[in-house]
PDB file of N, CA and C in Angstrom:
ATOM      1  N   MET A   1     101.409 110.854  64.887  1.00  0.00           N
ATOM      2  CA  MET A   1     101.440 109.878  63.820  1.00  0.00           C
ATOM      3  C   MET A   1     100.826 108.575  64.316  1.00  0.00           C
ATOM      4  N   MET A   2      99.980 107.965  63.505  1.00  0.00           N
ATOM      5  CA  MET A   2      99.281 106.753  63.901  1.00  0.00           C
ATOM      6  C   MET A   2      99.843 105.558  63.136  1.00  0.00           C
ATOM      7  N   PRO A   3      99.928 104.410  63.818  1.00  0.00           N
ATOM      8  CA  PRO A   3     100.326 103.200  63.099  1.00  0.00           C
ATOM      9  C   PRO A   3      99.274 102.840  62.047  1.00  0.00           C
ATOM     10  N   GLN A   4      99.586 101.875  61.212  1.00  0.00           N
ATOM     11  CA  GLN A   4      98.681 101.530  60.121  1.00  0.00           C
ATOM     12  C   GLN A   4      97.363 100.955  60.609  1.00  0.00           C
ATOM     13  N   ASP A   5      97.325 100.322  61.804  1.00  0.00           N
ATOM     14  CA  ASP A   5      96.063  99.764  62.283  1.00  0.00           C
ATOM     15  C   ASP A   5      95.208 100.817  62.973  1.00  0.00           C
ATOM     16  N   SER A   6      95.558 102.087  62.851  1.00  0.00           N
ATOM     17  CA  SER A   6      94.862 103.253  63.387  1.00  0.00           C
ATOM     18  C   SER A   6      94.776 103.262  64.917  1.00  0.00           C
ATOM     19  N   THR A   7      95.592 102.461  65.579  1.00  0.00           N
ATOM     20  CA  THR A   7      95.675 102.519  67.031  1.00  0.00           C
ATOM     21  C   THR A   7      96.718 103.568  67.381  1.00  0.00           C
ATOM     22  N   PRO A   8      96.364 104.540  68.224  1.00  0.00           N
ATOM     23  CA  PRO A   8      97.329 105.590  68.545  1.00  0.00           C
ATOM     24  C   PRO A   8      98.513 105.041  69.339  1.00  0.00           C
ATOM     25  N   LEU A   9      99.632 105.739  69.235  1.00  0.00           N
ATOM     26  CA  LEU A   9     100.814 105.350  69.991  1.00  0.00           C
ATOM     27  C   LEU A   9     100.610 105.713  71.455  1.00  0.00           C
ATOM     28  N   ILE A  10     100.654 104.720  72.314  1.00  0.00           N
ATOM     29  CA  ILE A  10     100.443 104.911  73.747  1.00  0.00           C
ATOM     30  C   ILE A  10     101.744 104.548  74.455  1.00  0.00           C
ATOM     31  N   PRO A  11     102.255 105.443  75.315  1.00  0.00           N
ATOM     32  CA  PRO A  11     103.470 105.113  76.059  1.00  0.00           C
ATOM     33  C   PRO A  11     103.259 103.898  76.961  1.00  0.00           C
ATOM     34  N   LEU A  12     104.315 103.160  77.212  1.00  0.00           N
ATOM     35  CA  LEU A  12     104.242 101.964  78.038  1.00  0.00           C
ATOM     36  C   LEU A  12     103.712 102.274  79.434  1.00  0.00           C
ATOM     37  N   ALA A  13     104.076 103.423  79.980  1.00  0.00           N
ATOM     38  CA  ALA A  13     103.585 103.811  81.305  1.00  0.00           C
ATOM     39  C   ALA A  13     102.066 103.970  81.296  1.00  0.00           C
ATOM     40  N   ALA A  14     101.521 104.478  80.217  1.00  0.00           N
ATOM     41  CA  ALA A  14     100.067 104.636  80.109  1.00  0.00           C
ATOM     42  C   ALA A  14      99.382 103.284  79.983  1.00  0.00           C
ATOM     43  N   ILE A  15     100.011 102.354  79.277  1.00  0.00           N
ATOM     44  CA  ILE A  15      99.452 101.007  79.155  1.00  0.00           C
ATOM     45  C   ILE A  15      99.434 100.339  80.528  1.00  0.00           C
ATOM     46  N   GLY A  16     100.502 100.537  81.297  1.00  0.00           N
ATOM     47  CA  GLY A  16     100.542  99.993  82.651  1.00  0.00           C
ATOM     48  C   GLY A  16      99.451 100.583  83.527  1.00  0.00           C
ATOM     49  N   ALA A  17      99.228 101.880  83.404  1.00  0.00           N
ATOM     50  CA  ALA A  17      98.164 102.522  84.180  1.00  0.00           C
ATOM     51  C   ALA A  17      96.802 101.968  83.781  1.00  0.00           C
ATOM     52  N   LEU A  18      96.594 101.740  82.494  1.00  0.00           N
ATOM     53  CA  LEU A  18      95.329 101.162  82.043  1.00  0.00           C
ATOM     54  C   LEU A  18      95.152  99.742  82.579  1.00  0.00           C
ATOM     55  N   ALA A  19      96.227  98.979  82.587  1.00  0.00           N
ATOM     56  CA  ALA A  19      96.151  97.609  83.087  1.00  0.00           C
ATOM     57  C   ALA A  19      95.751  97.581  84.558  1.00  0.00           C
ATOM     58  N   LEU A  20      96.113  98.628  85.293  1.00  0.00           N
ATOM     59  CA  LEU A  20      95.749  98.714  86.707  1.00  0.00           C
ATOM     60  C   LEU A  20      94.384  99.360  86.906  1.00  0.00           C
ATOM     61  N   GLY A  21      93.778  99.809  85.805  1.00  0.00           N
ATOM     62  CA  GLY A  21      92.460 100.424  85.902  1.00  0.00           C
ATOM     63  C   GLY A  21      92.500 101.912  86.175  1.00  0.00           C
ATOM     64  N   HIS A  22      93.637 102.555  85.906  1.00  0.00           N
ATOM     65  CA  HIS A  22      93.799 103.988  86.163  1.00  0.00           C
ATOM     66  C   HIS A  22      93.738 104.760  84.846  1.00  0.00           C
ATOM     67  N   LYS A  23      92.544 104.913  84.328  1.00  0.00           N
ATOM     68  CA  LYS A  23      92.352 105.558  83.031  1.00  0.00           C
ATOM     69  C   LYS A  23      92.776 107.031  83.060  1.00  0.00           C
ATOM     70  N   ILE A  24      92.459 107.728  84.128  1.00  0.00           N
ATOM     71  CA  ILE A  24      92.806 109.152  84.219  1.00  0.00           C
ATOM     72  C   ILE A  24      94.320 109.336  84.201  1.00  0.00           C
ATOM     73  N   ASP A  25      95.038 108.474  84.928  1.00  0.00           N
ATOM     74  CA  ASP A  25      96.499 108.548  84.917  1.00  0.00           C
ATOM     75  C   ASP A  25      97.046 108.261  83.523  1.00  0.00           C
ATOM     76  N   ALA A  26      96.441 107.304  82.839  1.00  0.00           N
ATOM     77  CA  ALA A  26      96.874 106.985  81.474  1.00  0.00           C
ATOM     78  C   ALA A  26      96.682 108.187  80.556  1.00  0.00           C
ATOM     79  N   ILE A  27      95.565 108.870  80.699  1.00  0.00           N
ATOM     80  CA  ILE A  27      95.309 110.061  79.881  1.00  0.00           C
ATOM     81  C   ILE A  27      96.342 111.140  80.181  1.00  0.00           C
ATOM     82  N   LYS A  28      96.661 111.340  81.457  1.00  0.00           N
ATOM     83  CA  LYS A  28      97.678 112.334  81.828  1.00  0.00           C
ATOM     84  C   LYS A  28      99.027 111.996  81.214  1.00  0.00           C
ATOM     85  N   ILE A  29      99.399 110.725  81.250  1.00  0.00           N
ATOM     86  CA  ILE A  29     100.693 110.307  80.698  1.00  0.00           C
ATOM     87  C   ILE A  29     100.723 110.532  79.191  1.00  0.00           C
ATOM     88  N   VAL A  30      99.669 110.126  78.505  1.00  0.00           N
ATOM     89  CA  VAL A  30      99.612 110.310  77.048  1.00  0.00           C
ATOM     90  C   VAL A  30      99.665 111.791  76.708  1.00  0.00           C
ATOM     91  N   ARG A  31      98.961 112.578  77.483  1.00  0.00           N
ATOM     92  CA  ARG A  31      98.928 114.021  77.241  1.00  0.00           C
ATOM     93  C   ARG A  31     100.311 114.646  77.412  1.00  0.00           C
ATOM     94  N   GLN A  32     101.025 114.248  78.473  1.00  0.00           N
ATOM     95  CA  GLN A  32     102.353 114.810  78.725  1.00  0.00           C
ATOM     96  C   GLN A  32     103.369 114.367  77.677  1.00  0.00           C
ATOM     97  N   GLU A  33     103.398 113.077  77.388  1.00  0.00           N
ATOM     98  CA  GLU A  33     104.455 112.544  76.522  1.00  0.00           C
ATOM     99  C   GLU A  33     104.240 112.846  75.043  1.00  0.00           C
ATOM    100  N   ASN A  34     102.988 113.081  74.647  1.00  0.00           N
ATOM    101  CA  ASN A  34     102.716 113.340  73.232  1.00  0.00           C
ATOM    102  C   ASN A  34     102.283 114.773  72.958  1.00  0.00           C
ATOM    103  N   ALA A  35     102.269 115.611  73.991  1.00  0.00           N
ATOM    104  CA  ALA A  35     101.879 117.021  73.859  1.00  0.00           C
ATOM    105  C   ALA A  35     100.522 117.158  73.166  1.00  0.00           C
ATOM    106  N   LEU A  36      99.538 116.424  73.683  1.00  0.00           N
ATOM    107  CA  LEU A  36      98.192 116.449  73.121  1.00  0.00           C
ATOM    108  C   LEU A  36      97.257 117.242  74.022  1.00  0.00           C
ATOM    109  N   SER A  37      96.145 117.654  73.449  1.00  0.00           N
ATOM    110  CA  SER A  37      95.112 118.283  74.268  1.00  0.00           C
ATOM    111  C   SER A  37      94.437 117.197  75.101  1.00  0.00           C
ATOM    112  N   LEU A  38      93.656 117.615  76.080  1.00  0.00           N
ATOM    113  CA  LEU A  38      92.949 116.659  76.929  1.00  0.00           C
ATOM    114  C   LEU A  38      92.024 115.783  76.097  1.00  0.00           C
ATOM    115  N   LYS A  39      91.313 116.383  75.173  1.00  0.00           N
ATOM    116  CA  LYS A  39      90.377 115.637  74.321  1.00  0.00           C
ATOM    117  C   LYS A  39      91.117 114.624  73.454  1.00  0.00           C
ATOM    118  N   GLU A  40      92.222 115.046  72.858  1.00  0.00           N
ATOM    119  CA  GLU A  40      92.995 114.140  72.002  1.00  0.00           C
ATOM    120  C   GLU A  40      93.572 112.971  72.800  1.00  0.00           C
ATOM    121  N   ALA A  41      94.083 113.275  73.991  1.00  0.00           N
ATOM    122  CA  ALA A  41      94.653 112.217  74.825  1.00  0.00           C
ATOM    123  C   ALA A  41      93.584 111.231  75.263  1.00  0.00           C
ATOM    124  N   LYS A  42      92.411 111.751  75.631  1.00  0.00           N
ATOM    125  CA  LYS A  42      91.298 110.880  76.052  1.00  0.00           C
ATOM    126  C   LYS A  42      90.867 109.996  74.889  1.00  0.00           C
ATOM    127  N   GLU A  43      90.760 110.564  73.708  1.00  0.00           N
ATOM    128  CA  GLU A  43      90.370 109.789  72.533  1.00  0.00           C
ATOM    129  C   GLU A  43      91.409 108.723  72.207  1.00  0.00           C
ATOM    130  N   ALA A  44      92.686 109.062  72.369  1.00  0.00           N
ATOM    131  CA  ALA A  44      93.755 108.096  72.098  1.00  0.00           C
ATOM    132  C   ALA A  44      93.696 106.927  73.072  1.00  0.00           C
ATOM    133  N   VAL A  45      93.483 107.226  74.351  1.00  0.00           N
ATOM    134  CA  VAL A  45      93.408 106.175  75.363  1.00  0.00           C
ATOM    135  C   VAL A  45      92.178 105.301  75.121  1.00  0.00           C
ATOM    136  N   GLU A  46      91.055 105.916  74.818  1.00  0.00           N
ATOM    137  CA  GLU A  46      89.836 105.148  74.571  1.00  0.00           C
ATOM    138  C   GLU A  46      89.961 104.303  73.306  1.00  0.00           C
ATOM    139  N   ALA A  47      90.631 104.819  72.290  1.00  0.00           N
ATOM    140  CA  ALA A  47      90.855 104.034  71.076  1.00  0.00           C
ATOM    141  C   ALA A  47      91.745 102.836  71.384  1.00  0.00           C
ATOM    142  N   TYR A  48      92.747 103.049  72.223  1.00  0.00           N
ATOM    143  CA  TYR A  48      93.618 101.944  72.613  1.00  0.00           C
ATOM    144  C   TYR A  48      92.827 100.894  73.390  1.00  0.00           C
ATOM    145  N   GLN A  49      91.942 101.340  74.275  1.00  0.00           N
ATOM    146  CA  GLN A  49      91.114 100.401  75.034  1.00  0.00           C
ATOM    147  C   GLN A  49      90.193  99.603  74.114  1.00  0.00           C
ATOM    148  N   ARG A  50      89.637 100.257  73.108  1.00  0.00           N
ATOM    149  CA  ARG A  50      88.766  99.543  72.162  1.00  0.00           C
ATOM    150  C   ARG A  50      89.562  98.517  71.362  1.00  0.00           C
ATOM    151  N   ALA A  51      90.792  98.860  71.018  1.00  0.00           N
ATOM    152  CA  ALA A  51      91.633  97.954  70.240  1.00  0.00           C
ATOM    153  C   ALA A  51      92.173  96.800  71.082  1.00  0.00           C
ATOM    154  N   HIS A  52      92.184  96.970  72.399  1.00  0.00           N
ATOM    155  CA  HIS A  52      92.704  95.950  73.311  1.00  0.00           C
ATOM    156  C   HIS A  52      91.685  95.677  74.418  1.00  0.00           C
ATOM    157  N   PRO A  53      90.578  95.021  74.087  1.00  0.00           N
ATOM    158  CA  PRO A  53      89.529  94.798  75.090  1.00  0.00           C
ATOM    159  C   PRO A  53      89.960  93.872  76.220  1.00  0.00           C
ATOM    160  N   ASP A  54      91.017  93.085  76.013  1.00  0.00           N
ATOM    161  CA  ASP A  54      91.484  92.186  77.058  1.00  0.00           C
ATOM    162  C   ASP A  54      92.232  92.923  78.168  1.00  0.00           C
ATOM    163  N   LEU A  55      92.567  94.172  77.925  1.00  0.00           N
ATOM    164  CA  LEU A  55      93.264  94.976  78.923  1.00  0.00           C
ATOM    165  C   LEU A  55      92.306  95.306  80.056  1.00  0.00           C
ATOM    166  N   GLY A  56      92.759  95.131  81.294  1.00  0.00           N
ATOM    167  CA  GLY A  56      91.897  95.367  82.447  1.00  0.00           C
ATOM    168  C   GLY A  56      91.362  96.784  82.483  1.00  0.00           C
ATOM    169  N   THR A  57      90.079  96.918  82.773  1.00  0.00           N
ATOM    170  CA  THR A  57      89.474  98.239  82.838  1.00  0.00           C
ATOM    171  C   THR A  57      89.005  98.579  84.234  1.00  0.00           C
ATOM    172  N   HIS A  58      89.141  97.631  85.159  1.00  0.00           N
ATOM    173  CA  HIS A  58      88.694  97.870  86.522  1.00  0.00           C
ATOM    174  C   HIS A  58      89.880  97.739  87.467  1.00  0.00           C
ATOM    175  N   PRO A  59      89.895  98.534  88.525  1.00  0.00           N
ATOM    176  CA  PRO A  59      90.978  98.398  89.499  1.00  0.00           C
ATOM    177  C   PRO A  59      91.011  96.979  90.066  1.00  0.00           C
ATOM    178  N   THR A  60      92.207  96.476  90.312  1.00  0.00           N
ATOM    179  CA  THR A  60      92.353  95.112  90.791  1.00  0.00           C
ATOM    180  C   THR A  60      92.419  95.021  92.302  1.00  0.00           C
ATOM    181  N   THR A  61      92.292  96.141  92.978  1.00  0.00           N
ATOM    182  CA  THR A  61      92.374  96.092  94.425  1.00  0.00           C
ATOM    183  C   THR A  61      91.091  95.512  94.990  1.00  0.00           C
ATOM    184  N   GLU A  62      91.255  94.652  95.963  1.00  0.00           N
ATOM    185  CA  GLU A  62      90.121  94.051  96.629  1.00  0.00           C
ATOM    186  C   GLU A  62      90.083  94.581  98.054  1.00  0.00           C
ATOM    187  N   PRO A  63      88.907  94.657  98.648  1.00  0.00           N
ATOM    188  CA  PRO A  63      88.842  95.116 100.025  1.00  0.00           C
ATOM    189  C   PRO A  63      89.605  94.156 100.930  1.00  0.00           C
ATOM    190  N   GLN A  64      90.287  94.733 101.912  1.00  0.00           N
ATOM    191  CA  GLN A  64      91.062  93.912 102.823  1.00  0.00           C
ATOM    192  C   GLN A  64      90.143  93.188 103.785  1.00  0.00           C
ATOM    193  N   THR A  65      90.461  91.941 104.046  1.00  0.00           N
ATOM    194  CA  THR A  65      89.702  91.170 105.011  1.00  0.00           C
ATOM    195  C   THR A  65      90.269  91.429 106.394  1.00  0.00           C
ATOM    196  N   SER A  66      89.552  90.984 107.416  1.00  0.00           N
ATOM    197  CA  SER A  66      90.026  91.194 108.784  1.00  0.00           C
ATOM    198  C   SER A  66      91.334  90.447 109.024  1.00  0.00           C
ATOM    199  N   THR A  67      91.524  89.309 108.370  1.00  0.00           N
ATOM    200  CA  THR A  67      92.770  88.556 108.534  1.00  0.00           C
ATOM    201  C   THR A  67      93.951  89.331 107.964  1.00  0.00           C
ATOM    202  N   SER A  68      93.792  89.911 106.791  1.00  0.00           N
ATOM    203  CA  SER A  68      94.904  90.655 106.205  1.00  0.00           C
ATOM    204  C   SER A  68      95.168  91.943 106.977  1.00  0.00           C
ATOM    205  N   LEU A  69      94.126  92.562 107.531  1.00  0.00           N
ATOM    206  CA  LEU A  69      94.337  93.742 108.367  1.00  0.00           C
ATOM    207  C   LEU A  69      95.097  93.373 109.639  1.00  0.00           C
ATOM    208  N   TRP A  70      94.739  92.227 110.251  1.00  0.00           N
ATOM    209  CA  TRP A  70      95.418  91.769 111.450  1.00  0.00           C
ATOM    210  C   TRP A  70      96.878  91.478 111.138  1.00  0.00           C
ATOM    211  N   LEU A  71      97.131  90.785 110.041  1.00  0.00           N
ATOM    212  CA  LEU A  71      98.496  90.453 109.657  1.00  0.00           C
ATOM    213  C   LEU A  71      99.312  91.710 109.378  1.00  0.00           C
ATOM    214  N   SER A  72      98.734  92.667 108.687  1.00  0.00           N
ATOM    215  CA  SER A  72      99.428  93.928 108.413  1.00  0.00           C
ATOM    216  C   SER A  72      99.760  94.661 109.704  1.00  0.00           C
ATOM    217  N   SER A  73      98.826  94.660 110.625  1.00  0.00           N
ATOM    218  CA  SER A  73      99.061  95.320 111.909  1.00  0.00           C
ATOM    219  C   SER A  73     100.183  94.653 112.677  1.00  0.00           C
ATOM    220  N   MET A  74     100.229  93.334 112.650  1.00  0.00           N
ATOM    221  CA  MET A  74     101.283  92.605 113.360  1.00  0.00           C
ATOM    222  C   MET A  74     102.650  92.874 112.741  1.00  0.00           C
ATOM    223  N   VAL A  75     102.721  92.915 111.429  1.00  0.00           N
ATOM    224  CA  VAL A  75     103.994  93.195 110.757  1.00  0.00           C
ATOM    225  C   VAL A  75     104.476  94.589 111.124  1.00  0.00           C
ATOM    226  N   ILE A  76     103.587  95.554 111.129  1.00  0.00           N
ATOM    227  CA  ILE A  76     103.966  96.922 111.498  1.00  0.00           C
ATOM    228  C   ILE A  76     104.409  96.977 112.953  1.00  0.00           C
ATOM    229  N   PHE A  77     103.706  96.290 113.841  1.00  0.00           N
ATOM    230  CA  PHE A  77     104.069  96.276 115.250  1.00  0.00           C
ATOM    231  C   PHE A  77     105.445  95.651 115.460  1.00  0.00           C
ATOM    232  N   ILE A  78     105.705  94.521 114.833  1.00  0.00           N
ATOM    233  CA  ILE A  78     107.000  93.850 114.992  1.00  0.00           C
ATOM    234  C   ILE A  78     108.124  94.699 114.417  1.00  0.00           C
ATOM    235  N   ALA A  79     107.907  95.315 113.252  1.00  0.00           N
ATOM    236  CA  ALA A  79     108.934  96.171 112.655  1.00  0.00           C
ATOM    237  C   ALA A  79     109.225  97.367 113.557  1.00  0.00           C
ATOM    238  N   THR A  80     108.191  97.964 114.124  1.00  0.00           N
ATOM    239  CA  THR A  80     108.371  99.099 115.029  1.00  0.00           C
ATOM    240  C   THR A  80     109.129  98.672 116.281  1.00  0.00           C
ATOM    241  N   ALA A  81     108.803  97.504 116.828  1.00  0.00           N
ATOM    242  CA  ALA A  81     109.489  97.003 118.019  1.00  0.00           C
ATOM    243  C   ALA A  81     110.965  96.754 117.730  1.00  0.00           C
ATOM    244  N   CYS A  82     111.273  96.186 116.570  1.00  0.00           N
ATOM    245  CA  CYS A  82     112.669  95.928 116.210  1.00  0.00           C
ATOM    246  C   CYS A  82     113.451  97.221 116.040  1.00  0.00           C
ATOM    247  N   ILE A  83     112.864  98.179 115.380  1.00  0.00           N
ATOM    248  CA  ILE A  83     113.546  99.467 115.175  1.00  0.00           C
ATOM    249  C   ILE A  83     113.770 100.167 116.508  1.00  0.00           C
ATOM    250  N   THR A  84     112.783 100.116 117.384  1.00  0.00           N
ATOM    251  CA  THR A  84     112.921 100.730 118.701  1.00  0.00           C
ATOM    252  C   THR A  84     114.021 100.043 119.498  1.00  0.00           C
ATOM    253  N   TRP A  85     114.058  98.726 119.468  1.00  0.00           N
ATOM    254  CA  TRP A  85     115.084  97.978 120.199  1.00  0.00           C
ATOM    255  C   TRP A  85     116.479  98.327 119.680  1.00  0.00           C
ATOM    256  N   ILE A  86     116.647  98.369 118.354  1.00  0.00           N
ATOM    257  CA  ILE A  86     117.952  98.724 117.773  1.00  0.00           C
ATOM    258  C   ILE A  86     118.345 100.137 118.155  1.00  0.00           C
ATOM    259  N   TRP A  87     117.401 101.050 118.109  1.00  0.00           N
ATOM    260  CA  TRP A  87     117.691 102.434 118.461  1.00  0.00           C
ATOM    261  C   TRP A  87     118.124 102.530 119.920  1.00  0.00           C
ATOM    262  N   LEU A  88     117.444 101.823 120.814  1.00  0.00           N
ATOM    263  CA  LEU A  88     117.802 101.843 122.235  1.00  0.00           C
ATOM    264  C   LEU A  88     119.169 101.209 122.479  1.00  0.00           C
ATOM    265  N   MET A  89     119.500 100.178 121.727  1.00  0.00           N
ATOM    266  CA  MET A  89     120.804  99.493 121.902  1.00  0.00           C
ATOM    267  C   MET A  89     121.954 100.412 121.493  1.00  0.00           C
ATOM    268  N   PHE A  90     121.793 101.209 120.468  1.00  0.00           N
ATOM    269  CA  PHE A  90     122.871 102.061 119.989  1.00  0.00           C
ATOM    270  C   PHE A  90     122.908 103.433 120.651  1.00  0.00           C
ATOM    271  N   ASN A  91     121.910 103.772 121.415  1.00  0.00           N
ATOM    272  CA  ASN A  91     121.869 105.088 122.058  1.00  0.00           C
ATOM    273  C   ASN A  91     121.976 104.986 123.568  1.00  0.00           C
ATOM    274  N   ARG A  92     122.721 104.023 124.055  1.00  0.00           N
ATOM    275  CA  ARG A  92     122.945 103.908 125.489  1.00  0.00           C
ATOM    276  C   ARG A  92     123.930 104.979 125.924  1.00  0.00           C
ATOM    277  N   PHE A  93     123.785 105.369 127.163  1.00  0.00           N
ATOM    278  CA  PHE A  93     124.695 106.410 127.693  1.00  0.00           C
ATOM    279  C   PHE A  93     125.898 105.795 128.301  1.00  0.00           C
TER     280      PHE A  93
END
């Protein structure tokens, strides 16, 4: 069933996937929740995108810079060191 503005009913999870730029995931969600064929689900998602052009259509992930890679590595190293230290403290003989 379609609303009066002829925009198909799209589950909130599919709208979230579209906002993140995951069109294929949005189609899968629409297909599962509305029991539609692949073609129908794709058409519904594309109709929703046409009706909402302000919705992001590209992934928002940006390539990591060397600074963010360094920071991520340091956080992982410190977390690993803390876990190792705690494990050694509680497993003394």
